[in-house]
Amino acid sequence: MKSRDKLNQELRQTILSLPGVTERQNAGIHEDAFFVGRTMFMHIHGRGHCDIRLSKDDQKRVLAEGKARTHRWAPEAGYVAFIVDDEQDLEPAMDLIRLSHHHFAGNQGVLTTEHQQD
């Protein structure tokens, strides 16, 4: 079983491997904030508490399917919450994070630009 620190590090590294993603530590109230272009698409509070911004349609579907929790402070912005407690939580978290990344990177042309460089 991986420690919380190892899980958090693996999660961060996987997020940073997505095309066009940068990290800003201590961005406002967020300990680890992840951006695609100029848009923060997710952030992590503490060890494993992920707040992930989705399109409104994706947010509605994900919540209806029970794949995430309602975000406490900013549900109107499309945010959902997901907590990574153990190794089994990593892939479901990354599924939500990839969904968010695909939405925001696609809106900014990051995915097209990255693909054209291959």
N, C-alpha and C. Protein backbone atom coordinates (compact mmCIF):
# COMPACT_ATOMS: atom_id res chain seq x y z
N MET A 1 0.84 -1.19 0.00
CA MET A 1 0.00 0.00 0.00
C MET A 1 0.89 1.25 0.00
N LYS A 2 0.56 2.18 -0.89
CA LYS A 2 1.34 3.41 -1.00
C LYS A 2 0.95 4.40 0.09
N SER A 3 1.92 5.18 0.53
CA SER A 3 1.65 6.22 1.51
C SER A 3 0.87 7.35 0.83
N ARG A 4 0.26 8.20 1.63
CA ARG A 4 -0.48 9.36 1.10
C ARG A 4 0.44 10.25 0.28
N ASP A 5 1.69 10.44 0.76
CA ASP A 5 2.63 11.27 0.02
C ASP A 5 2.96 10.67 -1.35
N LYS A 6 3.14 9.35 -1.41
CA LYS A 6 3.43 8.67 -2.68
C LYS A 6 2.24 8.77 -3.63
N LEU A 7 1.04 8.57 -3.09
CA LEU A 7 -0.17 8.69 -3.91
C LEU A 7 -0.29 10.10 -4.49
N ASN A 8 -0.08 11.10 -3.64
CA ASN A 8 -0.17 12.48 -4.09
C ASN A 8 0.88 12.78 -5.16
N GLN A 9 2.08 12.30 -4.97
CA GLN A 9 3.14 12.53 -5.94
C GLN A 9 2.81 11.85 -7.28
N GLU A 10 2.32 10.63 -7.23
CA GLU A 10 1.94 9.92 -8.46
C GLU A 10 0.80 10.64 -9.18
N LEU A 11 -0.17 11.10 -8.42
CA LEU A 11 -1.28 11.85 -8.99
C LEU A 11 -0.77 13.12 -9.67
N ARG A 12 0.06 13.88 -8.99
CA ARG A 12 0.59 15.13 -9.55
C ARG A 12 1.39 14.86 -10.83
N GLN A 13 2.23 13.85 -10.82
CA GLN A 13 3.04 13.54 -11.99
C GLN A 13 2.18 13.12 -13.18
N THR A 14 1.12 12.36 -12.92
CA THR A 14 0.23 11.95 -14.00
C THR A 14 -0.51 13.15 -14.58
N ILE A 15 -0.95 14.05 -13.73
CA ILE A 15 -1.61 15.28 -14.19
C ILE A 15 -0.65 16.10 -15.04
N LEU A 16 0.58 16.25 -14.56
CA LEU A 16 1.56 17.05 -15.29
C LEU A 16 1.99 16.43 -16.62
N SER A 17 1.71 15.14 -16.81
CA SER A 17 2.05 14.49 -18.08
C SER A 17 1.02 14.77 -19.17
N LEU A 18 -0.12 15.37 -18.80
CA LEU A 18 -1.13 15.72 -19.80
C LEU A 18 -0.63 16.89 -20.65
N PRO A 19 -0.97 16.93 -21.94
CA PRO A 19 -0.47 17.98 -22.83
C PRO A 19 -0.83 19.39 -22.36
N GLY A 20 0.18 20.26 -22.32
CA GLY A 20 -0.02 21.67 -22.03
C GLY A 20 -0.29 22.02 -20.59
N VAL A 21 -0.13 21.07 -19.65
CA VAL A 21 -0.46 21.33 -18.25
C VAL A 21 0.74 21.92 -17.51
N THR A 22 0.46 22.94 -16.73
CA THR A 22 1.46 23.52 -15.83
C THR A 22 0.87 23.53 -14.42
N GLU A 23 1.75 23.59 -13.45
CA GLU A 23 1.33 23.63 -12.05
C GLU A 23 1.79 24.93 -11.43
N ARG A 24 0.92 25.48 -10.61
CA ARG A 24 1.28 26.66 -9.81
C ARG A 24 0.96 26.32 -8.38
N GLN A 25 1.99 26.22 -7.57
CA GLN A 25 1.77 25.93 -6.16
C GLN A 25 1.35 27.20 -5.45
N ASN A 26 0.47 27.02 -4.48
CA ASN A 26 -0.04 28.13 -3.67
C ASN A 26 -0.67 29.22 -4.52
N ALA A 27 -1.47 28.82 -5.51
CA ALA A 27 -2.19 29.77 -6.36
C ALA A 27 -3.48 30.16 -5.65
N GLY A 28 -3.46 31.27 -4.99
CA GLY A 28 -4.63 31.70 -4.21
C GLY A 28 -4.81 30.79 -3.02
N ILE A 29 -6.00 30.24 -2.87
CA ILE A 29 -6.28 29.34 -1.75
C ILE A 29 -5.93 27.90 -2.06
N HIS A 30 -5.47 27.63 -3.27
CA HIS A 30 -5.22 26.28 -3.72
C HIS A 30 -3.76 25.91 -3.52
N GLU A 31 -3.52 24.78 -2.87
CA GLU A 31 -2.14 24.36 -2.62
C GLU A 31 -1.43 23.97 -3.90
N ASP A 32 -2.06 23.14 -4.72
CA ASP A 32 -1.50 22.71 -6.00
C ASP A 32 -2.57 22.94 -7.06
N ALA A 33 -2.37 23.95 -7.91
CA ALA A 33 -3.34 24.28 -8.94
C ALA A 33 -2.76 23.90 -10.30
N PHE A 34 -3.58 23.31 -11.14
CA PHE A 34 -3.14 22.85 -12.45
C PHE A 34 -3.89 23.61 -13.53
N PHE A 35 -3.12 24.08 -14.50
CA PHE A 35 -3.64 24.93 -15.56
C PHE A 35 -3.39 24.30 -16.92
N VAL A 36 -4.29 24.56 -17.83
CA VAL A 36 -4.05 24.30 -19.24
C VAL A 36 -4.25 25.67 -19.88
N GLY A 37 -3.18 26.18 -20.48
CA GLY A 37 -3.21 27.57 -20.92
C GLY A 37 -3.35 28.45 -19.69
N ARG A 38 -4.31 29.37 -19.74
CA ARG A 38 -4.54 30.27 -18.61
C ARG A 38 -5.69 29.82 -17.71
N THR A 39 -6.24 28.64 -17.98
CA THR A 39 -7.40 28.15 -17.24
C THR A 39 -7.01 27.11 -16.20
N MET A 40 -7.39 27.38 -14.94
CA MET A 40 -7.21 26.37 -13.91
C MET A 40 -8.33 25.36 -14.09
N PHE A 41 -7.96 24.11 -14.38
CA PHE A 41 -8.98 23.10 -14.59
C PHE A 41 -9.14 22.18 -13.40
N MET A 42 -8.21 22.24 -12.45
CA MET A 42 -8.34 21.46 -11.22
C MET A 42 -7.32 21.93 -10.20
N HIS A 43 -7.56 21.56 -8.96
CA HIS A 43 -6.58 21.83 -7.90
C HIS A 43 -6.72 20.77 -6.82
N ILE A 44 -5.68 20.67 -6.03
CA ILE A 44 -5.65 19.68 -4.96
C ILE A 44 -5.47 20.42 -3.63
N HIS A 45 -6.32 20.09 -2.68
CA HIS A 45 -6.19 20.58 -1.31
C HIS A 45 -5.62 19.45 -0.48
N GLY A 46 -4.60 19.73 0.30
CA GLY A 46 -4.06 18.70 1.18
C GLY A 46 -3.61 17.49 0.39
N ARG A 47 -3.76 16.34 0.95
CA ARG A 47 -3.34 15.09 0.30
C ARG A 47 -4.53 14.37 -0.31
N GLY A 48 -4.71 14.55 -1.61
CA GLY A 48 -5.70 13.77 -2.32
C GLY A 48 -7.09 14.35 -2.49
N HIS A 49 -7.36 15.52 -1.95
CA HIS A 49 -8.69 16.13 -2.13
C HIS A 49 -8.65 16.94 -3.43
N CYS A 50 -9.22 16.36 -4.49
CA CYS A 50 -9.19 16.98 -5.82
C CYS A 50 -10.50 17.71 -6.09
N ASP A 51 -10.37 18.96 -6.51
CA ASP A 51 -11.50 19.72 -7.01
C ASP A 51 -11.28 19.86 -8.51
N ILE A 52 -12.21 19.32 -9.28
CA ILE A 52 -12.05 19.19 -10.72
C ILE A 52 -13.18 19.94 -11.41
N ARG A 53 -12.80 20.83 -12.33
CA ARG A 53 -13.79 21.64 -13.06
C ARG A 53 -14.18 20.92 -14.35
N LEU A 54 -15.46 20.73 -14.54
CA LEU A 54 -15.98 20.05 -15.73
C LEU A 54 -16.92 20.98 -16.49
N SER A 55 -17.24 20.59 -17.71
CA SER A 55 -18.32 21.30 -18.41
C SER A 55 -19.60 21.03 -17.62
N LYS A 56 -20.59 21.87 -17.78
CA LYS A 56 -21.85 21.69 -17.03
C LYS A 56 -22.49 20.34 -17.35
N ASP A 57 -22.47 19.93 -18.62
CA ASP A 57 -23.06 18.64 -18.99
C ASP A 57 -22.31 17.49 -18.35
N ASP A 58 -20.97 17.54 -18.39
CA ASP A 58 -20.17 16.49 -17.77
C ASP A 58 -20.37 16.46 -16.27
N GLN A 59 -20.43 17.64 -15.65
CA GLN A 59 -20.65 17.72 -14.21
C GLN A 59 -21.97 17.04 -13.84
N LYS A 60 -23.01 17.37 -14.56
CA LYS A 60 -24.32 16.80 -14.28
C LYS A 60 -24.30 15.28 -14.41
N ARG A 61 -23.70 14.78 -15.48
CA ARG A 61 -23.63 13.33 -15.72
C ARG A 61 -22.80 12.62 -14.65
N VAL A 62 -21.62 13.15 -14.34
CA VAL A 62 -20.71 12.54 -13.37
C VAL A 62 -21.37 12.47 -11.98
N LEU A 63 -22.05 13.54 -11.60
CA LEU A 63 -22.73 13.54 -10.30
C LEU A 63 -23.89 12.55 -10.30
N ALA A 64 -24.64 12.49 -11.39
CA ALA A 64 -25.77 11.56 -11.48
C ALA A 64 -25.30 10.10 -11.42
N GLU A 65 -24.12 9.85 -11.99
CA GLU A 65 -23.57 8.49 -11.98
C GLU A 65 -22.84 8.16 -10.68
N GLY A 66 -22.72 9.12 -9.77
CA GLY A 66 -22.07 8.89 -8.49
C GLY A 66 -20.55 8.76 -8.59
N LYS A 67 -19.96 9.33 -9.63
CA LYS A 67 -18.52 9.22 -9.84
C LYS A 67 -17.73 10.31 -9.11
N ALA A 68 -18.43 11.29 -8.55
CA ALA A 68 -17.79 12.38 -7.80
C ALA A 68 -18.82 12.94 -6.83
N ARG A 69 -18.33 13.82 -5.97
CA ARG A 69 -19.20 14.50 -5.02
C ARG A 69 -19.44 15.93 -5.50
N THR A 70 -20.54 16.50 -5.04
CA THR A 70 -20.81 17.90 -5.33
C THR A 70 -19.74 18.75 -4.65
N HIS A 71 -19.21 19.72 -5.37
CA HIS A 71 -18.22 20.63 -4.78
C HIS A 71 -18.92 21.54 -3.78
N ARG A 72 -18.26 21.73 -2.68
CA ARG A 72 -18.87 22.45 -1.56
C ARG A 72 -19.06 23.94 -1.82
N TRP A 73 -18.11 24.57 -2.51
CA TRP A 73 -18.14 26.03 -2.63
C TRP A 73 -18.44 26.54 -4.04
N ALA A 74 -18.12 25.78 -5.08
CA ALA A 74 -18.27 26.33 -6.43
C ALA A 74 -18.92 25.36 -7.42
N PRO A 75 -20.04 24.75 -7.06
CA PRO A 75 -20.68 23.85 -8.01
C PRO A 75 -21.18 24.58 -9.25
N GLU A 76 -21.54 25.87 -9.10
CA GLU A 76 -22.05 26.63 -10.23
C GLU A 76 -20.98 26.86 -11.31
N ALA A 77 -19.70 26.70 -10.93
CA ALA A 77 -18.60 26.85 -11.89
C ALA A 77 -18.25 25.53 -12.57
N GLY A 78 -18.99 24.47 -12.23
CA GLY A 78 -18.74 23.17 -12.84
C GLY A 78 -17.85 22.26 -12.02
N TYR A 79 -17.43 22.69 -10.84
CA TYR A 79 -16.53 21.88 -10.03
C TYR A 79 -17.23 20.69 -9.39
N VAL A 80 -16.48 19.58 -9.30
CA VAL A 80 -16.87 18.41 -8.52
C VAL A 80 -15.69 18.09 -7.61
N ALA A 81 -15.93 17.29 -6.59
CA ALA A 81 -14.87 16.90 -5.66
C ALA A 81 -14.67 15.39 -5.74
N PHE A 82 -13.40 14.99 -5.64
CA PHE A 82 -13.05 13.58 -5.61
C PHE A 82 -11.87 13.43 -4.67
N ILE A 83 -11.94 12.46 -3.77
CA ILE A 83 -10.86 12.26 -2.81
C ILE A 83 -10.11 10.97 -3.12
N VAL A 84 -8.81 11.10 -3.27
CA VAL A 84 -7.94 9.94 -3.52
C VAL A 84 -7.43 9.47 -2.17
N ASP A 85 -8.02 8.37 -1.68
CA ASP A 85 -7.64 7.81 -0.39
C ASP A 85 -6.63 6.67 -0.52
N ASP A 86 -6.72 5.94 -1.65
CA ASP A 86 -5.83 4.80 -1.83
C ASP A 86 -5.58 4.57 -3.33
N GLU A 87 -4.80 3.56 -3.64
CA GLU A 87 -4.39 3.30 -5.02
C GLU A 87 -5.58 3.07 -5.95
N GLN A 88 -6.64 2.46 -5.46
CA GLN A 88 -7.80 2.20 -6.31
C GLN A 88 -8.50 3.48 -6.75
N ASP A 89 -8.25 4.56 -6.05
CA ASP A 89 -8.89 5.84 -6.38
C ASP A 89 -8.14 6.60 -7.48
N LEU A 90 -6.90 6.21 -7.77
CA LEU A 90 -6.10 6.97 -8.74
C LEU A 90 -6.72 6.97 -10.13
N GLU A 91 -7.09 5.83 -10.64
CA GLU A 91 -7.62 5.78 -12.02
C GLU A 91 -8.96 6.48 -12.15
N PRO A 92 -9.93 6.27 -11.22
CA PRO A 92 -11.18 7.04 -11.34
C PRO A 92 -10.95 8.55 -11.25
N ALA A 93 -10.00 8.97 -10.40
CA ALA A 93 -9.68 10.39 -10.32
C ALA A 93 -9.12 10.88 -11.65
N MET A 94 -8.20 10.10 -12.22
CA MET A 94 -7.60 10.50 -13.50
C MET A 94 -8.62 10.50 -14.63
N ASP A 95 -9.61 9.64 -14.58
CA ASP A 95 -10.68 9.67 -15.59
C ASP A 95 -11.39 11.02 -15.57
N LEU A 96 -11.71 11.51 -14.38
CA LEU A 96 -12.36 12.81 -14.24
C LEU A 96 -11.42 13.95 -14.65
N ILE A 97 -10.16 13.84 -14.26
CA ILE A 97 -9.18 14.87 -14.59
C ILE A 97 -8.95 14.93 -16.10
N ARG A 98 -8.87 13.77 -16.74
CA ARG A 98 -8.71 13.74 -18.21
C ARG A 98 -9.93 14.35 -18.90
N LEU A 99 -11.12 14.08 -18.37
CA LEU A 99 -12.35 14.64 -18.93
C LEU A 99 -12.29 16.16 -18.86
N SER A 100 -11.88 16.69 -17.72
CA SER A 100 -11.73 18.13 -17.55
C SER A 100 -10.66 18.68 -18.50
N HIS A 101 -9.52 18.05 -18.49
CA HIS A 101 -8.41 18.50 -19.34
C HIS A 101 -8.82 18.52 -20.81
N HIS A 102 -9.48 17.46 -21.25
CA HIS A 102 -9.90 17.38 -22.65
C HIS A 102 -10.84 18.54 -23.00
N HIS A 103 -11.76 18.85 -22.10
CA HIS A 103 -12.70 19.95 -22.34
C HIS A 103 -11.96 21.29 -22.45
N PHE A 104 -11.13 21.61 -21.45
CA PHE A 104 -10.50 22.92 -21.43
C PHE A 104 -9.34 23.03 -22.41
N ALA A 105 -8.58 21.97 -22.60
CA ALA A 105 -7.50 22.00 -23.59
C ALA A 105 -8.07 22.07 -25.00
N GLY A 106 -9.15 21.34 -25.23
CA GLY A 106 -9.80 21.38 -26.54
C GLY A 106 -10.34 22.76 -26.87
N ASN A 107 -10.90 23.44 -25.87
CA ASN A 107 -11.43 24.79 -26.08
C ASN A 107 -10.32 25.78 -26.41
N GLN A 108 -9.09 25.50 -26.00
CA GLN A 108 -7.98 26.41 -26.23
C GLN A 108 -7.08 25.96 -27.38
N GLY A 109 -7.45 24.86 -28.02
CA GLY A 109 -6.65 24.36 -29.13
C GLY A 109 -5.36 23.67 -28.71
N VAL A 110 -5.18 23.39 -27.43
CA VAL A 110 -3.96 22.75 -26.94
C VAL A 110 -3.84 21.34 -27.51
N LEU A 111 -4.93 20.61 -27.54
CA LEU A 111 -4.87 19.23 -28.03
C LEU A 111 -4.52 19.20 -29.50
N THR A 112 -5.08 20.10 -30.29
CA THR A 112 -4.77 20.17 -31.72
C THR A 112 -3.31 20.54 -31.93
N THR A 113 -2.82 21.51 -31.20
CA THR A 113 -1.44 21.95 -31.32
C THR A 113 -0.47 20.84 -30.95
N GLU A 114 -0.74 20.16 -29.84
CA GLU A 114 0.13 19.06 -29.40
C GLU A 114 0.15 17.95 -30.45
N HIS A 115 -1.04 17.63 -31.00
CA HIS A 115 -1.13 16.54 -31.98
C HIS A 115 -0.37 16.91 -33.26
N GLN A 116 -0.42 18.16 -33.66
CA GLN A 116 0.23 18.58 -34.88
C GLN A 116 1.74 18.53 -34.76
N GLN A 117 2.27 18.59 -33.54
CA GLN A 117 3.72 18.55 -33.34
C GLN A 117 4.29 17.15 -33.45
N ASP A 118 3.43 16.11 -33.36
CA ASP A 118 3.90 14.72 -33.43
C ASP A 118 4.46 14.38 -34.79
